[in-house]
């Protein structure tokens, strides 16, 4: 049953949840880079 379901989902475009998860991952990475950058600036100043 699980195999049949995955085959059905492949041709379909990405669901809203998948897009949201990807967006959250990008947000986390950007936030991490910003925090590292600001911490580096704080050390130099």
C-alpha atoms as a PDB file:
ATOM      1  CA  UNK A   1       0.000   0.000   0.000  1.00  0.00           C
ATOM      2  CA  UNK A   2       2.807   2.407   0.866  1.00  0.00           C
ATOM      3  CA  UNK A   3       4.556   1.762  -2.459  1.00  0.00           C
ATOM      4  CA  UNK A   4       1.384   2.541  -4.403  1.00  0.00           C
ATOM      5  CA  UNK A   5       0.981   5.845  -2.543  1.00  0.00           C
ATOM      6  CA  UNK A   6       4.543   7.058  -3.238  1.00  0.00           C
ATOM      7  CA  UNK A   7       4.144   6.348  -6.964  1.00  0.00           C
ATOM      8  CA  UNK A   8       0.974   8.454  -7.009  1.00  0.00           C
ATOM      9  CA  UNK A   9       2.666  11.409  -5.317  1.00  0.00           C
ATOM     10  CA  UNK A  10       5.712  11.654  -7.606  1.00  0.00           C
ATOM     11  CA  UNK A  11       4.224  13.308 -10.734  1.00  0.00           C
ATOM     12  CA  UNK A  12       2.179  15.727  -8.617  1.00  0.00           C
ATOM     13  CA  UNK A  13       3.595  19.151  -7.772  1.00  0.00           C
ATOM     14  CA  UNK A  14       4.950  19.718  -4.266  1.00  0.00           C
ATOM     15  CA  UNK A  15       2.417  20.066  -1.476  1.00  0.00           C
ATOM     16  CA  UNK A  16       2.043  23.172   0.665  1.00  0.00           C
ATOM     17  CA  UNK A  17       3.613  21.400   3.638  1.00  0.00           C
ATOM     18  CA  UNK A  18       6.760  20.514   1.678  1.00  0.00           C
ATOM     19  CA  UNK A  19       7.097  24.112   0.491  1.00  0.00           C
ATOM     20  CA  UNK A  20       6.641  25.348   4.071  1.00  0.00           C
ATOM     21  CA  UNK A  21       9.288  22.934   5.378  1.00  0.00           C
ATOM     22  CA  UNK A  22      11.743  24.077   2.691  1.00  0.00           C
ATOM     23  CA  UNK A  23      10.984  27.729   3.528  1.00  0.00           C
ATOM     24  CA  UNK A  24      11.563  27.092   7.253  1.00  0.00           C
ATOM     25  CA  UNK A  25      14.879  25.352   6.514  1.00  0.00           C
ATOM     26  CA  UNK A  26      16.040  28.327   4.418  1.00  0.00           C
ATOM     27  CA  UNK A  27      14.925  30.719   7.189  1.00  0.00           C
ATOM     28  CA  UNK A  28      16.892  28.730   9.786  1.00  0.00           C
ATOM     29  CA  UNK A  29      20.046  28.747   7.629  1.00  0.00           C
ATOM     30  CA  UNK A  30      19.766  32.503   6.984  1.00  0.00           C
ATOM     31  CA  UNK A  31      19.168  33.185  10.692  1.00  0.00           C
ATOM     32  CA  UNK A  32      22.190  31.044  11.594  1.00  0.00           C
ATOM     33  CA  UNK A  33      24.443  32.863   9.116  1.00  0.00           C
ATOM     34  CA  UNK A  34      23.225  36.245  10.402  1.00  0.00           C
ATOM     35  CA  UNK A  35      23.863  35.264  14.019  1.00  0.00           C
ATOM     36  CA  UNK A  36      27.371  33.984  13.172  1.00  0.00           C
ATOM     37  CA  UNK A  37      28.084  37.202  11.232  1.00  0.00           C
ATOM     38  CA  UNK A  38      26.868  39.477  14.051  1.00  0.00           C
ATOM     39  CA  UNK A  39      28.801  37.433  16.640  1.00  0.00           C
ATOM     40  CA  UNK A  40      31.938  37.856  14.509  1.00  0.00           C
ATOM     41  CA  UNK A  41      31.347  41.606  14.314  1.00  0.00           C
ATOM     42  CA  UNK A  42      30.831  41.762  18.088  1.00  0.00           C
ATOM     43  CA  UNK A  43      34.204  40.069  18.632  1.00  0.00           C
ATOM     44  CA  UNK A  44      36.000  42.538  16.345  1.00  0.00           C
ATOM     45  CA  UNK A  45      34.323  45.650  17.798  1.00  0.00           C
END
